[in-house]
Every structure is written in structure tokens, then in C-alpha cells.
PDB file of N, CA and C in Angstrom:
ATOM      1  N   MET A   1       8.963  22.810  -7.665  1.00  0.00           N
ATOM      2  CA  MET A   1       7.709  22.094  -7.782  1.00  0.00           C
ATOM      3  C   MET A   1       6.593  23.009  -7.284  1.00  0.00           C
ATOM      4  N   ASP A   2       5.551  23.136  -8.089  1.00  0.00           N
ATOM      5  CA  ASP A   2       4.454  24.002  -7.646  1.00  0.00           C
ATOM      6  C   ASP A   2       3.466  23.222  -6.778  1.00  0.00           C
ATOM      7  N   ALA A   3       2.484  23.915  -6.234  1.00  0.00           N
ATOM      8  CA  ALA A   3       1.518  23.317  -5.302  1.00  0.00           C
ATOM      9  C   ALA A   3       0.742  22.173  -5.939  1.00  0.00           C
ATOM     10  N   LYS A   4       0.413  22.320  -7.230  1.00  0.00           N
ATOM     11  CA  LYS A   4      -0.312  21.263  -7.937  1.00  0.00           C
ATOM     12  C   LYS A   4       0.510  19.980  -8.016  1.00  0.00           C
ATOM     13  N   ASP A   5       1.792  20.134  -8.351  1.00  0.00           N
ATOM     14  CA  ASP A   5       2.677  18.976  -8.438  1.00  0.00           C
ATOM     15  C   ASP A   5       2.882  18.325  -7.072  1.00  0.00           C
ATOM     16  N   THR A   6       3.020  19.140  -6.049  1.00  0.00           N
ATOM     17  CA  THR A   6       3.196  18.630  -4.699  1.00  0.00           C
ATOM     18  C   THR A   6       1.978  17.833  -4.262  1.00  0.00           C
ATOM     19  N   GLU A   7       0.803  18.346  -4.535  1.00  0.00           N
ATOM     20  CA  GLU A   7      -0.435  17.642  -4.167  1.00  0.00           C
ATOM     21  C   GLU A   7      -0.563  16.333  -4.943  1.00  0.00           C
ATOM     22  N   PHE A   8      -0.227  16.367  -6.223  1.00  0.00           N
ATOM     23  CA  PHE A   8      -0.285  15.154  -7.038  1.00  0.00           C
ATOM     24  C   PHE A   8       0.667  14.102  -6.485  1.00  0.00           C
ATOM     25  N   LEU A   9       1.888  14.506  -6.138  1.00  0.00           N
ATOM     26  CA  LEU A   9       2.865  13.566  -5.584  1.00  0.00           C
ATOM     27  C   LEU A   9       2.386  12.985  -4.254  1.00  0.00           C
ATOM     28  N   LYS A  10       1.741  13.787  -3.438  1.00  0.00           N
ATOM     29  CA  LYS A  10       1.189  13.285  -2.172  1.00  0.00           C
ATOM     30  C   LYS A  10       0.134  12.214  -2.427  1.00  0.00           C
ATOM     31  N   ARG A  11      -0.753  12.470  -3.384  1.00  0.00           N
ATOM     32  CA  ARG A  11      -1.795  11.477  -3.701  1.00  0.00           C
ATOM     33  C   ARG A  11      -1.178  10.214  -4.291  1.00  0.00           C
ATOM     34  N   LEU A  12      -0.202  10.399  -5.159  1.00  0.00           N
ATOM     35  CA  LEU A  12       0.473   9.255  -5.765  1.00  0.00           C
ATOM     36  C   LEU A  12       1.192   8.418  -4.709  1.00  0.00           C
ATOM     37  N   THR A  13       1.840   9.075  -3.762  1.00  0.00           N
ATOM     38  CA  THR A  13       2.532   8.370  -2.681  1.00  0.00           C
ATOM     39  C   THR A  13       1.551   7.619  -1.792  1.00  0.00           C
ATOM     40  N   ALA A  14       0.400   8.214  -1.507  1.00  0.00           N
ATOM     41  CA  ALA A  14      -0.624   7.529  -0.706  1.00  0.00           C
ATOM     42  C   ALA A  14      -1.125   6.282  -1.435  1.00  0.00           C
ATOM     43  N   THR A  15      -1.316   6.400  -2.734  1.00  0.00           N
ATOM     44  CA  THR A  15      -1.734   5.247  -3.528  1.00  0.00           C
ATOM     45  C   THR A  15      -0.648   4.183  -3.524  1.00  0.00           C
ATOM     46  N   PHE A  16       0.601   4.617  -3.648  1.00  0.00           N
ATOM     47  CA  PHE A  16       1.725   3.678  -3.610  1.00  0.00           C
ATOM     48  C   PHE A  16       1.724   2.876  -2.309  1.00  0.00           C
ATOM     49  N   ARG A  17       1.499   3.549  -1.192  1.00  0.00           N
ATOM     50  CA  ARG A  17       1.506   2.848   0.101  1.00  0.00           C
ATOM     51  C   ARG A  17       0.467   1.729   0.137  1.00  0.00           C
ATOM     52  N   VAL A  18      -0.717   2.012  -0.374  1.00  0.00           N
ATOM     53  CA  VAL A  18      -1.780   1.003  -0.396  1.00  0.00           C
ATOM     54  C   VAL A  18      -1.358  -0.157  -1.299  1.00  0.00           C
ATOM     55  N   GLU A  19      -0.896   0.170  -2.498  1.00  0.00           N
ATOM     56  CA  GLU A  19      -0.469  -0.872  -3.438  1.00  0.00           C
ATOM     57  C   GLU A  19       0.708  -1.673  -2.889  1.00  0.00           C
ATOM     58  N   ALA A  20       1.682  -0.976  -2.321  1.00  0.00           N
ATOM     59  CA  ALA A  20       2.877  -1.650  -1.805  1.00  0.00           C
ATOM     60  C   ALA A  20       2.509  -2.637  -0.701  1.00  0.00           C
ATOM     61  N   THR A  21       1.588  -2.244   0.155  1.00  0.00           N
ATOM     62  CA  THR A  21       1.146  -3.137   1.225  1.00  0.00           C
ATOM     63  C   THR A  21       0.597  -4.435   0.649  1.00  0.00           C
ATOM     64  N   GLU A  22      -0.207  -4.321  -0.392  1.00  0.00           N
ATOM     65  CA  GLU A  22      -0.782  -5.522  -1.018  1.00  0.00           C
ATOM     66  C   GLU A  22       0.300  -6.339  -1.731  1.00  0.00           C
ATOM     67  N   HIS A  23       1.184  -5.690  -2.463  1.00  0.00           N
ATOM     68  CA  HIS A  23       2.265  -6.421  -3.148  1.00  0.00           C
ATOM     69  C   HIS A  23       3.128  -7.165  -2.133  1.00  0.00           C
ATOM     70  N   ILE A  24       3.458  -6.519  -1.042  1.00  0.00           N
ATOM     71  CA  ILE A  24       4.295  -7.148  -0.015  1.00  0.00           C
ATOM     72  C   ILE A  24       3.567  -8.307   0.650  1.00  0.00           C
ATOM     73  N   ARG A  25       2.263  -8.166   0.854  1.00  0.00           N
ATOM     74  CA  ARG A  25       1.486  -9.265   1.433  1.00  0.00           C
ATOM     75  C   ARG A  25       1.529 -10.490   0.521  1.00  0.00           C
ATOM     76  N   VAL A  26       1.313 -10.275  -0.776  1.00  0.00           N
ATOM     77  CA  VAL A  26       1.324 -11.388  -1.728  1.00  0.00           C
ATOM     78  C   VAL A  26       2.726 -11.975  -1.853  1.00  0.00           C
ATOM     79  N   LEU A  27       3.737 -11.116  -1.901  1.00  0.00           N
ATOM     80  CA  LEU A  27       5.118 -11.594  -1.949  1.00  0.00           C
ATOM     81  C   LEU A  27       5.440 -12.465  -0.735  1.00  0.00           C
ATOM     82  N   SER A  28       5.105 -11.987   0.437  1.00  0.00           N
ATOM     83  CA  SER A  28       5.409 -12.725   1.672  1.00  0.00           C
ATOM     84  C   SER A  28       4.705 -14.068   1.718  1.00  0.00           C
ATOM     85  N   SER A  29       3.424 -14.062   1.413  1.00  0.00           N
ATOM     86  CA  SER A  29       2.701 -15.342   1.471  1.00  0.00           C
ATOM     87  C   SER A  29       3.206 -16.300   0.401  1.00  0.00           C
ATOM     88  N   GLY A  30       3.548 -15.772  -0.774  1.00  0.00           N
ATOM     89  CA  GLY A  30       4.095 -16.628  -1.823  1.00  0.00           C
ATOM     90  C   GLY A  30       5.422 -17.235  -1.432  1.00  0.00           C
ATOM     91  N   LEU A  31       6.292 -16.438  -0.835  1.00  0.00           N
ATOM     92  CA  LEU A  31       7.592 -16.947  -0.409  1.00  0.00           C
ATOM     93  C   LEU A  31       7.456 -17.969   0.718  1.00  0.00           C
ATOM     94  N   MET A  32       6.542 -17.707   1.639  1.00  0.00           N
ATOM     95  CA  MET A  32       6.341 -18.672   2.732  1.00  0.00           C
ATOM     96  C   MET A  32       5.791 -19.990   2.190  1.00  0.00           C
ATOM     97  N   GLU A  33       4.851 -19.917   1.260  1.00  0.00           N
ATOM     98  CA  GLU A  33       4.306 -21.152   0.685  1.00  0.00           C
ATOM     99  C   GLU A  33       5.364 -21.863  -0.157  1.00  0.00           C
ATOM    100  N   LEU A  34       6.193 -21.100  -0.824  1.00  0.00           N
ATOM    101  CA  LEU A  34       7.247 -21.684  -1.663  1.00  0.00           C
ATOM    102  C   LEU A  34       8.192 -22.555  -0.842  1.00  0.00           C
ATOM    103  N   GLU A  35       8.408 -22.195   0.412  1.00  0.00           N
ATOM    104  CA  GLU A  35       9.287 -22.983   1.284  1.00  0.00           C
ATOM    105  C   GLU A  35       8.770 -24.398   1.497  1.00  0.00           C
ATOM    106  N   THR A  36       7.459 -24.578   1.412  1.00  0.00           N
ATOM    107  CA  THR A  36       6.888 -25.889   1.719  1.00  0.00           C
ATOM    108  C   THR A  36       6.155 -26.536   0.551  1.00  0.00           C
ATOM    109  N   ALA A  37       6.079 -25.866  -0.590  1.00  0.00           N
ATOM    110  CA  ALA A  37       5.329 -26.409  -1.737  1.00  0.00           C
ATOM    111  C   ALA A  37       6.087 -27.577  -2.359  1.00  0.00           C
ATOM    112  N   PRO A  38       5.522 -28.775  -2.266  1.00  0.00           N
ATOM    113  CA  PRO A  38       6.221 -29.947  -2.791  1.00  0.00           C
ATOM    114  C   PRO A  38       6.071 -30.133  -4.305  1.00  0.00           C
ATOM    115  N   GLU A  39       4.957 -29.684  -4.849  1.00  0.00           N
ATOM    116  CA  GLU A  39       4.682 -29.948  -6.259  1.00  0.00           C
ATOM    117  C   GLU A  39       5.436 -28.989  -7.166  1.00  0.00           C
ATOM    118  N   SER A  40       6.044 -29.551  -8.182  1.00  0.00           N
ATOM    119  CA  SER A  40       6.812 -28.746  -9.128  1.00  0.00           C
ATOM    120  C   SER A  40       5.933 -27.701  -9.809  1.00  0.00           C
ATOM    121  N   LYS A  41       4.724 -28.093 -10.215  1.00  0.00           N
ATOM    122  CA  LYS A  41       3.819 -27.161 -10.895  1.00  0.00           C
ATOM    123  C   LYS A  41       3.440 -26.004  -9.965  1.00  0.00           C
ATOM    124  N   ARG A  42       3.115 -26.312  -8.725  1.00  0.00           N
ATOM    125  CA  ARG A  42       2.740 -25.268  -7.769  1.00  0.00           C
ATOM    126  C   ARG A  42       3.923 -24.350  -7.485  1.00  0.00           C
ATOM    127  N   ARG A  43       5.113 -24.914  -7.377  1.00  0.00           N
ATOM    128  CA  ARG A  43       6.304 -24.100  -7.144  1.00  0.00           C
ATOM    129  C   ARG A  43       6.508 -23.120  -8.302  1.00  0.00           C
ATOM    130  N   ALA A  44       6.329 -23.585  -9.519  1.00  0.00           N
ATOM    131  CA  ALA A  44       6.481 -22.725 -10.691  1.00  0.00           C
ATOM    132  C   ALA A  44       5.454 -21.593 -10.661  1.00  0.00           C
ATOM    133  N   GLU A  45       4.222 -21.893 -10.271  1.00  0.00           N
ATOM    134  CA  GLU A  45       3.183 -20.861 -10.170  1.00  0.00           C
ATOM    135  C   GLU A  45       3.544 -19.823  -9.110  1.00  0.00           C
ATOM    136  N   LEU A  46       4.042 -20.296  -7.982  1.00  0.00           N
ATOM    137  CA  LEU A  46       4.425 -19.391  -6.903  1.00  0.00           C
ATOM    138  C   LEU A  46       5.588 -18.490  -7.309  1.00  0.00           C
ATOM    139  N   ILE A  47       6.572 -19.057  -7.978  1.00  0.00           N
ATOM    140  CA  ILE A  47       7.712 -18.259  -8.432  1.00  0.00           C
ATOM    141  C   ILE A  47       7.241 -17.188  -9.413  1.00  0.00           C
ATOM    142  N   GLU A  48       6.358 -17.557 -10.317  1.00  0.00           N
ATOM    143  CA  GLU A  48       5.816 -16.589 -11.272  1.00  0.00           C
ATOM    144  C   GLU A  48       5.072 -15.465 -10.548  1.00  0.00           C
ATOM    145  N   THR A  49       4.283 -15.822  -9.558  1.00  0.00           N
ATOM    146  CA  THR A  49       3.544 -14.826  -8.778  1.00  0.00           C
ATOM    147  C   THR A  49       4.487 -13.892  -8.034  1.00  0.00           C
ATOM    148  N   VAL A  50       5.499 -14.454  -7.399  1.00  0.00           N
ATOM    149  CA  VAL A  50       6.455 -13.641  -6.643  1.00  0.00           C
ATOM    150  C   VAL A  50       7.186 -12.672  -7.578  1.00  0.00           C
ATOM    151  N   PHE A  51       7.634 -13.157  -8.717  1.00  0.00           N
ATOM    152  CA  PHE A  51       8.322 -12.276  -9.666  1.00  0.00           C
ATOM    153  C   PHE A  51       7.396 -11.185 -10.197  1.00  0.00           C
ATOM    154  N   ARG A  52       6.161 -11.534 -10.483  1.00  0.00           N
ATOM    155  CA  ARG A  52       5.194 -10.553 -10.991  1.00  0.00           C
ATOM    156  C   ARG A  52       4.942  -9.461  -9.954  1.00  0.00           C
ATOM    157  N   GLU A  53       4.773  -9.864  -8.698  1.00  0.00           N
ATOM    158  CA  GLU A  53       4.538  -8.890  -7.635  1.00  0.00           C
ATOM    159  C   GLU A  53       5.756  -7.994  -7.430  1.00  0.00           C
ATOM    160  N   ALA A  54       6.948  -8.565  -7.468  1.00  0.00           N
ATOM    161  CA  ALA A  54       8.168  -7.764  -7.315  1.00  0.00           C
ATOM    162  C   ALA A  54       8.291  -6.769  -8.468  1.00  0.00           C
ATOM    163  N   HIS A  55       7.973  -7.204  -9.672  1.00  0.00           N
ATOM    164  CA  HIS A  55       8.032  -6.321 -10.838  1.00  0.00           C
ATOM    165  C   HIS A  55       7.020  -5.180 -10.711  1.00  0.00           C
ATOM    166  N   SER A  56       5.825  -5.492 -10.257  1.00  0.00           N
ATOM    167  CA  SER A  56       4.800  -4.460 -10.075  1.00  0.00           C
ATOM    168  C   SER A  56       5.204  -3.472  -8.984  1.00  0.00           C
ATOM    169  N   LEU A  57       5.762  -3.977  -7.906  1.00  0.00           N
ATOM    170  CA  LEU A  57       6.226  -3.108  -6.825  1.00  0.00           C
ATOM    171  C   LEU A  57       7.365  -2.208  -7.311  1.00  0.00           C
ATOM    172  N   LYS A  58       8.245  -2.766  -8.129  1.00  0.00           N
ATOM    173  CA  LYS A  58       9.352  -1.981  -8.686  1.00  0.00           C
ATOM    174  C   LYS A  58       8.816  -0.815  -9.521  1.00  0.00           C
ATOM    175  N   GLY A  59       7.848  -1.076 -10.374  1.00  0.00           N
ATOM    176  CA  GLY A  59       7.270  -0.024 -11.198  1.00  0.00           C
ATOM    177  C   GLY A  59       6.558   1.038 -10.380  1.00  0.00           C
ATOM    178  N   ALA A  60       5.845   0.595  -9.375  1.00  0.00           N
ATOM    179  CA  ALA A  60       5.139   1.545  -8.505  1.00  0.00           C
ATOM    180  C   ALA A  60       6.140   2.408  -7.741  1.00  0.00           C
ATOM    181  N   ALA A  61       7.227   1.808  -7.274  1.00  0.00           N
ATOM    182  CA  ALA A  61       8.254   2.564  -6.554  1.00  0.00           C
ATOM    183  C   ALA A  61       8.911   3.586  -7.477  1.00  0.00           C
ATOM    184  N   ARG A  62       9.135   3.202  -8.711  1.00  0.00           N
ATOM    185  CA  ARG A  62       9.737   4.124  -9.668  1.00  0.00           C
ATOM    186  C   ARG A  62       8.838   5.335  -9.881  1.00  0.00           C
ATOM    187  N   SER A  63       7.526   5.119  -9.891  1.00  0.00           N
ATOM    188  CA  SER A  63       6.596   6.223 -10.156  1.00  0.00           C
ATOM    189  C   SER A  63       6.604   7.283  -9.055  1.00  0.00           C
ATOM    190  N   VAL A  64       7.036   6.920  -7.859  1.00  0.00           N
ATOM    191  CA  VAL A  64       7.110   7.897  -6.756  1.00  0.00           C
ATOM    192  C   VAL A  64       8.559   8.160  -6.351  1.00  0.00           C
ATOM    193  N   ASN A  65       9.481   7.779  -7.238  1.00  0.00           N
ATOM    194  CA  ASN A  65      10.901   8.076  -7.061  1.00  0.00           C
ATOM    195  C   ASN A  65      11.500   7.466  -5.792  1.00  0.00           C
ATOM    196  N   LEU A  66      11.089   6.237  -5.476  1.00  0.00           N
ATOM    197  CA  LEU A  66      11.660   5.510  -4.342  1.00  0.00           C
ATOM    198  C   LEU A  66      12.686   4.505  -4.891  1.00  0.00           C
ATOM    199  N   ARG A  67      13.860   5.023  -5.195  1.00  0.00           N
ATOM    200  CA  ARG A  67      14.897   4.247  -5.889  1.00  0.00           C
ATOM    201  C   ARG A  67      15.398   3.061  -5.063  1.00  0.00           C
ATOM    202  N   ASP A  68      15.442   3.173  -3.733  1.00  0.00           N
ATOM    203  CA  ASP A  68      15.897   2.047  -2.920  1.00  0.00           C
ATOM    204  C   ASP A  68      14.965   0.840  -3.079  1.00  0.00           C
ATOM    205  N   ILE A  69      13.673   1.096  -3.025  1.00  0.00           N
ATOM    206  CA  ILE A  69      12.705  -0.004  -3.183  1.00  0.00           C
ATOM    207  C   ILE A  69      12.786  -0.545  -4.600  1.00  0.00           C
ATOM    208  N   GLU A  70      12.878   0.339  -5.575  1.00  0.00           N
ATOM    209  CA  GLU A  70      13.010  -0.088  -6.971  1.00  0.00           C
ATOM    210  C   GLU A  70      14.222  -0.990  -7.148  1.00  0.00           C
ATOM    211  N   SER A  71      15.336  -0.603  -6.548  1.00  0.00           N
ATOM    212  CA  SER A  71      16.576  -1.373  -6.655  1.00  0.00           C
ATOM    213  C   SER A  71      16.450  -2.737  -5.990  1.00  0.00           C
ATOM    214  N   ILE A  72      15.834  -2.794  -4.844  1.00  0.00           N
ATOM    215  CA  ILE A  72      15.652  -4.081  -4.141  1.00  0.00           C
ATOM    216  C   ILE A  72      14.805  -5.029  -4.985  1.00  0.00           C
ATOM    217  N   CYS A  73      13.793  -4.488  -5.624  1.00  0.00           N
ATOM    218  CA  CYS A  73      12.898  -5.324  -6.441  1.00  0.00           C
ATOM    219  C   CYS A  73      13.563  -5.798  -7.729  1.00  0.00           C
ATOM    220  N   GLN A  74      14.606  -5.115  -8.141  1.00  0.00           N
ATOM    221  CA  GLN A  74      15.308  -5.471  -9.355  1.00  0.00           C
ATOM    222  C   GLN A  74      15.934  -6.842  -9.186  1.00  0.00           C
TER     223      GLN A  74
END
């Protein structure tokens, strides 16, 4: 890997950290609300949100070659 590729990967990883933090925040709050959401419609919305965030996190992890995180999100 040359210096240009190394620098690009560093920037990509820094971006991943920011994105991952937000995805994990939304995932956590969605899961916590899901535990107490009584309405069927709201539960369905929360499940959709949680799955969407996990899918986005999986793709972001793949872009920086973090296979463990990608696998967990699968």
C-alpha cells in the first residue's frame, strides 16, 4: 500500500468512526424503545429503523475492512 492509499484509509476509518457512533446510538435507542413500545405500528417502525441502521453499519464496516463488525451486523 502506498502513502496515498494509507492516507485515504485513515480518512475513511475516521469517517467510519463518526458514522458508526451515530448508527450505534440510533440502534441502541431503538432497541431500548422497542422493549417498551406497546403499539404494533410503532414496534414495526422501530424494527425497520433498527434493521436499516444495522445494514448501514454493516456496509460502512465493509468499506474499511472491519469484518467482525460486518459479521455482527449480518
